[in-house]
Amino acid sequence: DVLLGDRYYGSYFEIALLQKRGIEGVFRLHQRRRADFRRGRRLGPGDHVVVWSKPSRPAWMEEATYGVIPDTLTLREVRVKVAQAGRRTKVITVVTTLLDAEEFSAADLTDLYRARWQAELNLRSLKTVMQMDVLRAKTPEMVRKELWAHLLTYNLIRTVMAQAAQEHG
């Protein structure tokens, strides 16, 4: 399994806990961490393997959990260019546990992260169009019902659109 996520998941402890479960990851580098591409084992321009050292135990983590986390993580950092229509291209750093540059090229990681970016934009658009940006229910049970109602409505609209396209296509 490969988890693709935003910078929240690009922290030492999140990555270490995922690896303990056998899950690989591709994340935007956490904002508190800086990539220095002059260090580590260079794989190509803007692509290197580095070793991160375990930080101090955060307040939210139990000592037992902290004790089973490795003292170092070997990770790959890659500069990725993400283009958005109508906006300038952003250069971001992605951190991954996928260390093999031949099997997972920098271009593959760029494409993967770009797909994540597009999915996020599409979800934001969907939430806005379907007026799901603010849920109005007050209880967990009613929030679930509200979400299901939105999903049902969305699927019905898409079905009608697909049928109309078939009739006119």
N, C-alpha and C. Protein backbone atom coordinates (compact mmCIF):
# COMPACT_ATOMS: atom_id res chain seq x y z
N ASP A 1 0.84 -1.18 0.00
CA ASP A 1 0.00 0.00 0.00
C ASP A 1 0.89 1.25 0.00
N VAL A 2 0.42 2.27 -0.70
CA VAL A 2 1.11 3.57 -0.72
C VAL A 2 0.10 4.63 -0.33
N LEU A 3 0.40 5.38 0.71
CA LEU A 3 -0.45 6.48 1.15
C LEU A 3 0.08 7.76 0.53
N LEU A 4 -0.79 8.48 -0.14
CA LEU A 4 -0.46 9.74 -0.78
C LEU A 4 -1.15 10.82 0.02
N GLY A 5 -0.37 11.77 0.57
CA GLY A 5 -0.99 12.76 1.45
C GLY A 5 -0.34 14.11 1.41
N ASP A 6 -0.91 15.01 2.17
CA ASP A 6 -0.39 16.37 2.24
C ASP A 6 0.72 16.47 3.29
N ARG A 7 1.15 17.69 3.58
CA ARG A 7 2.31 17.87 4.45
C ARG A 7 2.09 17.45 5.89
N TYR A 8 0.84 17.34 6.32
CA TYR A 8 0.58 16.87 7.68
C TYR A 8 1.19 15.48 7.90
N TYR A 9 1.12 14.63 6.88
CA TYR A 9 1.61 13.26 6.99
C TYR A 9 3.10 13.14 6.73
N GLY A 10 3.75 14.23 6.33
CA GLY A 10 5.17 14.19 6.01
C GLY A 10 6.06 14.40 7.23
N SER A 11 5.59 14.08 8.41
CA SER A 11 6.39 14.25 9.61
C SER A 11 7.08 12.93 9.98
N TYR A 12 8.14 13.03 10.74
CA TYR A 12 8.92 11.86 11.15
C TYR A 12 8.03 10.77 11.74
N PHE A 13 7.21 11.16 12.71
CA PHE A 13 6.43 10.17 13.45
C PHE A 13 5.33 9.54 12.59
N GLU A 14 4.68 10.34 11.77
CA GLU A 14 3.64 9.78 10.89
C GLU A 14 4.26 8.76 9.93
N ILE A 15 5.39 9.12 9.33
CA ILE A 15 6.05 8.21 8.39
C ILE A 15 6.51 6.93 9.10
N ALA A 16 7.11 7.09 10.28
CA ALA A 16 7.59 5.92 11.02
C ALA A 16 6.44 5.00 11.41
N LEU A 17 5.34 5.57 11.86
CA LEU A 17 4.19 4.75 12.26
C LEU A 17 3.57 4.04 11.05
N LEU A 18 3.54 4.70 9.90
CA LEU A 18 3.04 4.05 8.68
C LEU A 18 3.95 2.90 8.26
N GLN A 19 5.27 3.14 8.31
CA GLN A 19 6.22 2.08 7.93
C GLN A 19 6.08 0.87 8.84
N LYS A 20 5.79 1.09 10.12
CA LYS A 20 5.59 -0.03 11.04
C LYS A 20 4.42 -0.91 10.59
N ARG A 21 3.47 -0.32 9.89
CA ARG A 21 2.31 -1.06 9.38
C ARG A 21 2.53 -1.58 7.96
N GLY A 22 3.73 -1.36 7.41
CA GLY A 22 4.04 -1.84 6.06
C GLY A 22 3.48 -0.95 4.97
N ILE A 23 3.22 0.31 5.28
CA ILE A 23 2.64 1.23 4.32
C ILE A 23 3.71 2.20 3.84
N GLU A 24 3.88 2.29 2.53
CA GLU A 24 4.79 3.25 1.93
C GLU A 24 4.08 4.60 1.87
N GLY A 25 4.84 5.67 1.66
CA GLY A 25 4.19 6.98 1.63
C GLY A 25 4.84 7.95 0.66
N VAL A 26 4.02 8.87 0.16
CA VAL A 26 4.47 10.00 -0.66
C VAL A 26 3.72 11.21 -0.12
N PHE A 27 4.47 12.18 0.43
CA PHE A 27 3.86 13.32 1.09
C PHE A 27 4.61 14.60 0.74
N ARG A 28 3.92 15.69 0.86
CA ARG A 28 4.61 16.97 0.78
C ARG A 28 5.44 17.10 2.05
N LEU A 29 6.65 17.63 1.92
CA LEU A 29 7.52 17.79 3.07
C LEU A 29 6.87 18.70 4.11
N HIS A 30 6.90 18.29 5.35
CA HIS A 30 6.32 19.07 6.44
C HIS A 30 6.96 20.45 6.50
N GLN A 31 6.15 21.47 6.78
CA GLN A 31 6.63 22.85 6.74
C GLN A 31 7.73 23.16 7.75
N ARG A 32 7.88 22.36 8.77
CA ARG A 32 8.94 22.59 9.76
C ARG A 32 10.28 21.98 9.36
N ARG A 33 10.29 21.25 8.27
CA ARG A 33 11.51 20.57 7.85
C ARG A 33 12.00 21.18 6.55
N ARG A 34 13.29 21.36 6.43
CA ARG A 34 13.89 21.93 5.22
C ARG A 34 14.70 20.86 4.50
N ALA A 35 14.58 20.85 3.19
CA ALA A 35 15.37 19.91 2.37
C ALA A 35 16.65 20.62 1.94
N ASP A 36 17.76 19.95 2.12
CA ASP A 36 19.06 20.48 1.67
C ASP A 36 19.60 19.47 0.65
N PHE A 37 19.45 19.81 -0.62
CA PHE A 37 19.82 18.87 -1.68
C PHE A 37 21.33 18.77 -1.89
N ARG A 38 22.10 19.48 -1.07
CA ARG A 38 23.57 19.33 -1.12
C ARG A 38 24.01 18.15 -0.27
N ARG A 39 23.11 17.64 0.55
CA ARG A 39 23.42 16.53 1.45
C ARG A 39 22.77 15.23 0.98
N GLY A 40 23.18 14.14 1.57
CA GLY A 40 22.58 12.85 1.24
C GLY A 40 23.17 12.24 -0.02
N ARG A 41 22.56 11.14 -0.44
CA ARG A 41 23.01 10.44 -1.65
C ARG A 41 22.20 10.96 -2.83
N ARG A 42 22.88 11.64 -3.72
CA ARG A 42 22.23 12.27 -4.87
C ARG A 42 21.78 11.22 -5.89
N LEU A 43 20.51 11.33 -6.31
CA LEU A 43 19.95 10.43 -7.31
C LEU A 43 19.74 11.13 -8.65
N GLY A 44 19.75 12.44 -8.61
CA GLY A 44 19.53 13.26 -9.80
C GLY A 44 19.27 14.68 -9.35
N PRO A 45 19.03 15.59 -10.29
CA PRO A 45 18.75 16.97 -9.90
C PRO A 45 17.48 17.05 -9.06
N GLY A 46 17.58 17.64 -7.88
CA GLY A 46 16.42 17.77 -7.00
C GLY A 46 15.88 16.44 -6.53
N ASP A 47 16.76 15.45 -6.37
CA ASP A 47 16.34 14.10 -5.97
C ASP A 47 17.48 13.47 -5.18
N HIS A 48 17.24 13.17 -3.91
CA HIS A 48 18.29 12.55 -3.09
C HIS A 48 17.68 11.70 -1.97
N VAL A 49 18.53 10.84 -1.41
CA VAL A 49 18.16 10.01 -0.27
C VAL A 49 18.88 10.57 0.95
N VAL A 50 18.13 10.77 2.03
CA VAL A 50 18.68 11.34 3.25
C VAL A 50 18.28 10.49 4.45
N VAL A 51 18.95 10.73 5.55
CA VAL A 51 18.61 10.05 6.81
C VAL A 51 18.11 11.11 7.78
N TRP A 52 16.91 10.90 8.29
CA TRP A 52 16.33 11.79 9.29
C TRP A 52 16.56 11.15 10.66
N SER A 53 16.90 11.97 11.64
CA SER A 53 17.06 11.51 13.01
C SER A 53 15.77 11.73 13.79
N LYS A 54 15.52 10.83 14.72
CA LYS A 54 14.29 10.87 15.51
C LYS A 54 14.29 12.10 16.41
N PRO A 55 13.22 12.92 16.33
CA PRO A 55 13.10 14.08 17.22
C PRO A 55 12.69 13.66 18.63
N SER A 56 12.65 14.61 19.51
CA SER A 56 12.18 14.36 20.88
C SER A 56 10.73 13.90 20.86
N ARG A 57 10.34 13.20 21.90
CA ARG A 57 8.97 12.69 21.99
C ARG A 57 7.99 13.85 22.11
N PRO A 58 6.99 13.88 21.21
CA PRO A 58 5.97 14.93 21.33
C PRO A 58 5.02 14.61 22.49
N ALA A 59 4.36 15.62 22.99
CA ALA A 59 3.46 15.47 24.14
C ALA A 59 2.32 14.48 23.87
N TRP A 60 1.87 14.39 22.63
CA TRP A 60 0.73 13.54 22.30
C TRP A 60 1.08 12.05 22.21
N MET A 61 2.38 11.74 22.18
CA MET A 61 2.80 10.35 21.98
C MET A 61 3.17 9.68 23.31
N GLU A 62 2.66 8.46 23.49
CA GLU A 62 3.00 7.69 24.69
C GLU A 62 4.45 7.23 24.61
N GLU A 63 5.07 7.07 25.77
CA GLU A 63 6.48 6.65 25.81
C GLU A 63 6.69 5.29 25.16
N ALA A 64 5.74 4.37 25.35
CA ALA A 64 5.86 3.03 24.77
C ALA A 64 5.90 3.11 23.24
N THR A 65 5.06 3.96 22.67
CA THR A 65 5.04 4.12 21.21
C THR A 65 6.34 4.76 20.74
N TYR A 66 6.78 5.77 21.46
CA TYR A 66 8.02 6.46 21.11
C TYR A 66 9.20 5.47 21.13
N GLY A 67 9.16 4.56 22.08
CA GLY A 67 10.25 3.58 22.22
C GLY A 67 10.38 2.62 21.05
N VAL A 68 9.30 2.32 20.34
CA VAL A 68 9.37 1.37 19.23
C VAL A 68 9.64 2.05 17.88
N ILE A 69 9.67 3.36 17.88
CA ILE A 69 9.96 4.08 16.64
C ILE A 69 11.48 4.10 16.43
N PRO A 70 11.93 3.81 15.20
CA PRO A 70 13.38 3.75 14.96
C PRO A 70 14.06 5.11 15.17
N ASP A 71 15.35 5.06 15.48
CA ASP A 71 16.12 6.28 15.73
C ASP A 71 16.39 7.08 14.46
N THR A 72 16.34 6.41 13.32
CA THR A 72 16.54 7.10 12.04
C THR A 72 15.57 6.55 11.00
N LEU A 73 15.28 7.38 10.02
CA LEU A 73 14.51 6.97 8.85
C LEU A 73 15.31 7.32 7.61
N THR A 74 15.40 6.39 6.68
CA THR A 74 16.04 6.67 5.40
C THR A 74 14.92 6.99 4.41
N LEU A 75 14.95 8.22 3.89
CA LEU A 75 13.87 8.72 3.06
C LEU A 75 14.41 9.39 1.81
N ARG A 76 13.55 9.59 0.88
CA ARG A 76 13.89 10.25 -0.37
C ARG A 76 13.14 11.58 -0.45
N GLU A 77 13.85 12.62 -0.82
CA GLU A 77 13.24 13.93 -1.03
C GLU A 77 13.39 14.30 -2.50
N VAL A 78 12.30 14.77 -3.09
CA VAL A 78 12.28 15.08 -4.52
C VAL A 78 11.60 16.43 -4.72
N ARG A 79 12.24 17.29 -5.52
CA ARG A 79 11.58 18.55 -5.91
C ARG A 79 10.57 18.22 -7.00
N VAL A 80 9.35 18.72 -6.83
CA VAL A 80 8.26 18.44 -7.75
C VAL A 80 7.67 19.76 -8.23
N LYS A 81 7.40 19.85 -9.53
CA LYS A 81 6.74 21.03 -10.08
C LYS A 81 5.27 20.68 -10.30
N VAL A 82 4.39 21.46 -9.67
CA VAL A 82 2.95 21.23 -9.80
C VAL A 82 2.35 22.44 -10.49
N ALA A 83 1.78 22.21 -11.67
CA ALA A 83 1.17 23.30 -12.44
C ALA A 83 -0.33 23.33 -12.19
N GLN A 84 -0.86 24.53 -12.02
CA GLN A 84 -2.30 24.74 -11.88
C GLN A 84 -2.73 25.66 -13.00
N ALA A 85 -3.84 25.34 -13.63
CA ALA A 85 -4.35 26.20 -14.70
C ALA A 85 -4.63 27.59 -14.16
N GLY A 86 -4.12 28.59 -14.84
CA GLY A 86 -4.36 29.97 -14.43
C GLY A 86 -3.47 30.47 -13.31
N ARG A 87 -2.59 29.64 -12.83
CA ARG A 87 -1.68 30.04 -11.74
C ARG A 87 -0.27 29.66 -12.12
N ARG A 88 0.67 30.28 -11.44
CA ARG A 88 2.06 29.93 -11.73
C ARG A 88 2.40 28.56 -11.13
N THR A 89 3.36 27.92 -11.71
CA THR A 89 3.78 26.59 -11.26
C THR A 89 4.42 26.70 -9.88
N LYS A 90 4.05 25.78 -9.01
CA LYS A 90 4.64 25.72 -7.68
C LYS A 90 5.72 24.66 -7.67
N VAL A 91 6.82 24.96 -7.01
CA VAL A 91 7.86 23.96 -6.79
C VAL A 91 7.77 23.57 -5.33
N ILE A 92 7.51 22.30 -5.10
CA ILE A 92 7.39 21.80 -3.73
C ILE A 92 8.33 20.62 -3.56
N THR A 93 8.57 20.26 -2.32
CA THR A 93 9.40 19.10 -2.02
C THR A 93 8.51 17.99 -1.50
N VAL A 94 8.67 16.82 -2.10
CA VAL A 94 7.93 15.63 -1.70
C VAL A 94 8.90 14.70 -1.00
N VAL A 95 8.45 14.11 0.10
CA VAL A 95 9.25 13.11 0.81
C VAL A 95 8.55 11.77 0.64
N THR A 96 9.36 10.74 0.43
CA THR A 96 8.78 9.42 0.18
C THR A 96 9.64 8.32 0.78
N THR A 97 8.98 7.20 1.04
CA THR A 97 9.68 6.00 1.48
C THR A 97 10.06 5.14 0.28
N LEU A 98 9.63 5.53 -0.91
CA LEU A 98 9.95 4.81 -2.14
C LEU A 98 11.34 5.22 -2.59
N LEU A 99 12.34 4.47 -2.19
CA LEU A 99 13.74 4.87 -2.37
C LEU A 99 14.34 4.50 -3.72
N ASP A 100 13.78 3.53 -4.40
CA ASP A 100 14.34 3.03 -5.65
C ASP A 100 14.02 3.98 -6.80
N ALA A 101 15.02 4.77 -7.22
CA ALA A 101 14.83 5.78 -8.27
C ALA A 101 14.60 5.15 -9.64
N GLU A 102 15.02 3.91 -9.84
CA GLU A 102 14.78 3.26 -11.12
C GLU A 102 13.33 2.77 -11.21
N GLU A 103 12.82 2.24 -10.12
CA GLU A 103 11.43 1.76 -10.11
C GLU A 103 10.44 2.91 -9.99
N PHE A 104 10.80 3.93 -9.22
CA PHE A 104 9.93 5.09 -8.98
C PHE A 104 10.72 6.36 -9.33
N SER A 105 10.64 6.76 -10.59
CA SER A 105 11.42 7.93 -11.04
C SER A 105 10.85 9.20 -10.44
N ALA A 106 11.66 10.26 -10.48
CA ALA A 106 11.20 11.57 -10.02
C ALA A 106 9.98 12.00 -10.82
N ALA A 107 9.96 11.68 -12.11
CA ALA A 107 8.80 12.02 -12.97
C ALA A 107 7.55 11.26 -12.51
N ASP A 108 7.72 9.99 -12.11
CA ASP A 108 6.58 9.21 -11.59
C ASP A 108 6.01 9.86 -10.33
N LEU A 109 6.91 10.27 -9.44
CA LEU A 109 6.47 10.90 -8.19
C LEU A 109 5.80 12.24 -8.47
N THR A 110 6.33 12.97 -9.46
CA THR A 110 5.71 14.24 -9.85
C THR A 110 4.30 13.99 -10.37
N ASP A 111 4.14 13.01 -11.25
CA ASP A 111 2.82 12.68 -11.79
C ASP A 111 1.86 12.24 -10.68
N LEU A 112 2.36 11.44 -9.76
CA LEU A 112 1.53 10.96 -8.66
C LEU A 112 1.07 12.12 -7.79
N TYR A 113 1.99 13.01 -7.43
CA TYR A 113 1.61 14.13 -6.58
C TYR A 113 0.70 15.10 -7.33
N ARG A 114 0.93 15.28 -8.62
CA ARG A 114 0.05 16.13 -9.43
C ARG A 114 -1.37 15.55 -9.44
N ALA A 115 -1.49 14.22 -9.53
CA ALA A 115 -2.81 13.58 -9.50
C ALA A 115 -3.49 13.83 -8.16
N ARG A 116 -2.73 13.78 -7.08
CA ARG A 116 -3.28 14.07 -5.75
C ARG A 116 -3.77 15.51 -5.70
N TRP A 117 -2.99 16.41 -6.25
CA TRP A 117 -3.34 17.82 -6.27
C TRP A 117 -4.65 18.02 -7.04
N GLN A 118 -4.77 17.38 -8.20
CA GLN A 118 -5.98 17.49 -9.01
C GLN A 118 -7.19 16.89 -8.28
N ALA A 119 -7.00 15.79 -7.61
CA ALA A 119 -8.09 15.18 -6.84
C ALA A 119 -8.57 16.13 -5.76
N GLU A 120 -7.64 16.80 -5.10
CA GLU A 120 -8.01 17.75 -4.05
C GLU A 120 -8.80 18.93 -4.64
N LEU A 121 -8.35 19.44 -5.79
CA LEU A 121 -9.07 20.54 -6.45
C LEU A 121 -10.47 20.09 -6.87
N ASN A 122 -10.58 18.88 -7.40
CA ASN A 122 -11.89 18.36 -7.82
C ASN A 122 -12.82 18.17 -6.63
N LEU A 123 -12.28 17.67 -5.52
CA LEU A 123 -13.11 17.51 -4.32
C LEU A 123 -13.59 18.85 -3.79
N ARG A 124 -12.70 19.85 -3.80
CA ARG A 124 -13.09 21.18 -3.35
C ARG A 124 -14.20 21.73 -4.24
N SER A 125 -14.06 21.56 -5.54
CA SER A 125 -15.07 22.02 -6.48
C SER A 125 -16.40 21.30 -6.24
N LEU A 126 -16.33 19.99 -6.07
CA LEU A 126 -17.53 19.20 -5.81
C LEU A 126 -18.23 19.67 -4.54
N LYS A 127 -17.46 19.89 -3.48
CA LYS A 127 -18.05 20.35 -2.22
C LYS A 127 -18.75 21.69 -2.41
N THR A 128 -18.15 22.58 -3.20
CA THR A 128 -18.73 23.90 -3.40
C THR A 128 -20.00 23.81 -4.24
N VAL A 129 -19.92 23.09 -5.37
CA VAL A 129 -21.08 22.97 -6.27
C VAL A 129 -22.24 22.28 -5.55
N MET A 130 -21.95 21.25 -4.79
CA MET A 130 -22.99 20.50 -4.09
C MET A 130 -23.34 21.12 -2.73
N GLN A 131 -22.76 22.27 -2.44
CA GLN A 131 -22.98 22.98 -1.18
C GLN A 131 -22.68 22.09 0.03
N MET A 132 -21.58 21.32 -0.10
CA MET A 132 -21.14 20.46 0.98
C MET A 132 -20.01 21.10 1.78
N ASP A 133 -19.67 22.35 1.46
CA ASP A 133 -18.58 23.00 2.16
C ASP A 133 -18.93 23.27 3.62
N VAL A 134 -20.22 23.38 3.92
CA VAL A 134 -20.67 23.54 5.30
C VAL A 134 -21.79 22.54 5.53
N LEU A 135 -21.55 21.59 6.42
CA LEU A 135 -22.60 20.63 6.77
C LEU A 135 -23.42 21.22 7.90
N ARG A 136 -24.72 21.08 7.83
CA ARG A 136 -25.60 21.76 8.75
C ARG A 136 -26.11 20.89 9.90
N ALA A 137 -25.92 19.59 9.81
CA ALA A 137 -26.41 18.68 10.84
C ALA A 137 -25.65 18.89 12.15
N LYS A 138 -26.29 18.53 13.23
CA LYS A 138 -25.71 18.76 14.56
C LYS A 138 -25.20 17.49 15.25
N THR A 139 -25.64 16.32 14.79
CA THR A 139 -25.22 15.08 15.42
C THR A 139 -24.46 14.21 14.41
N PRO A 140 -23.58 13.33 14.87
CA PRO A 140 -22.85 12.46 13.96
C PRO A 140 -23.78 11.65 13.05
N GLU A 141 -24.90 11.15 13.59
CA GLU A 141 -25.83 10.37 12.79
C GLU A 141 -26.43 11.21 11.66
N MET A 142 -26.79 12.43 11.95
CA MET A 142 -27.37 13.31 10.93
C MET A 142 -26.32 13.78 9.92
N VAL A 143 -25.08 13.95 10.36
CA VAL A 143 -24.00 14.30 9.42
C VAL A 143 -23.83 13.17 8.41
N ARG A 144 -23.83 11.92 8.89
CA ARG A 144 -23.74 10.77 7.98
C ARG A 144 -24.89 10.78 6.98
N LYS A 145 -26.10 11.02 7.46
CA LYS A 145 -27.26 11.07 6.56
C LYS A 145 -27.12 12.20 5.55
N GLU A 146 -26.62 13.35 5.99
CA GLU A 146 -26.44 14.47 5.09
C GLU A 146 -25.41 14.14 4.00
N LEU A 147 -24.29 13.51 4.41
CA LEU A 147 -23.28 13.10 3.43
C LEU A 147 -23.85 12.11 2.42
N TRP A 148 -24.60 11.11 2.90
CA TRP A 148 -25.20 10.12 2.00
C TRP A 148 -26.19 10.78 1.05
N ALA A 149 -26.95 11.76 1.54
CA ALA A 149 -27.89 12.47 0.67
C ALA A 149 -27.15 13.22 -0.43
N HIS A 150 -26.04 13.86 -0.08
CA HIS A 150 -25.23 14.57 -1.08
C HIS A 150 -24.66 13.60 -2.11
N LEU A 151 -24.14 12.47 -1.64
CA LEU A 151 -23.58 11.48 -2.57
C LEU A 151 -24.65 10.90 -3.49
N LEU A 152 -25.83 10.63 -2.95
CA LEU A 152 -26.92 10.12 -3.76
C LEU A 152 -27.31 11.15 -4.83
N THR A 153 -27.44 12.40 -4.42
CA THR A 153 -27.78 13.47 -5.36
C THR A 153 -26.72 13.59 -6.45
N TYR A 154 -25.47 13.56 -6.06
CA TYR A 154 -24.38 13.66 -7.03
C TYR A 154 -24.45 12.51 -8.05
N ASN A 155 -24.61 11.30 -7.55
CA ASN A 155 -24.67 10.14 -8.44
C ASN A 155 -25.89 10.19 -9.37
N LEU A 156 -27.01 10.66 -8.88
CA LEU A 156 -28.19 10.80 -9.73
C LEU A 156 -27.95 11.83 -10.84
N ILE A 157 -27.35 12.95 -10.50
CA ILE A 157 -27.04 13.98 -11.49
C ILE A 157 -26.08 13.44 -12.53
N ARG A 158 -25.03 12.74 -12.10
CA ARG A 158 -24.05 12.18 -13.05
C ARG A 158 -24.71 11.13 -13.96
N THR A 159 -25.64 10.34 -13.43
CA THR A 159 -26.35 9.34 -14.24
C THR A 159 -27.20 10.03 -15.31
N VAL A 160 -27.91 11.08 -14.92
CA VAL A 160 -28.73 11.82 -15.89
C VAL A 160 -27.84 12.45 -16.95
N MET A 161 -26.70 13.01 -16.54
CA MET A 161 -25.77 13.62 -17.50
C MET A 161 -25.23 12.58 -18.47
N ALA A 162 -24.88 11.40 -17.98
CA ALA A 162 -24.36 10.33 -18.83
C ALA A 162 -25.42 9.86 -19.82
N GLN A 163 -26.66 9.74 -19.37
CA GLN A 163 -27.74 9.32 -20.27
C GLN A 163 -27.98 10.37 -21.35
N ALA A 164 -27.96 11.64 -20.97
CA ALA A 164 -28.16 12.73 -21.94
C ALA A 164 -27.04 12.74 -22.96
N ALA A 165 -25.81 12.50 -22.52
CA ALA A 165 -24.68 12.48 -23.43
C ALA A 165 -24.80 11.32 -24.42
N GLN A 166 -25.29 10.17 -23.94
CA GLN A 166 -25.49 9.01 -24.81
C GLN A 166 -26.56 9.28 -25.87
N GLU A 167 -27.62 9.95 -25.47
CA GLU A 167 -28.72 10.23 -26.40
C GLU A 167 -28.31 11.23 -27.46
N HIS A 168 -27.42 12.15 -27.10
CA HIS A 168 -27.00 13.20 -28.04
C HIS A 168 -25.66 12.89 -28.71
N GLY A 169 -25.03 11.81 -28.33
CA GLY A 169 -23.71 11.49 -28.86
C GLY A 169 -23.76 10.52 -29.93
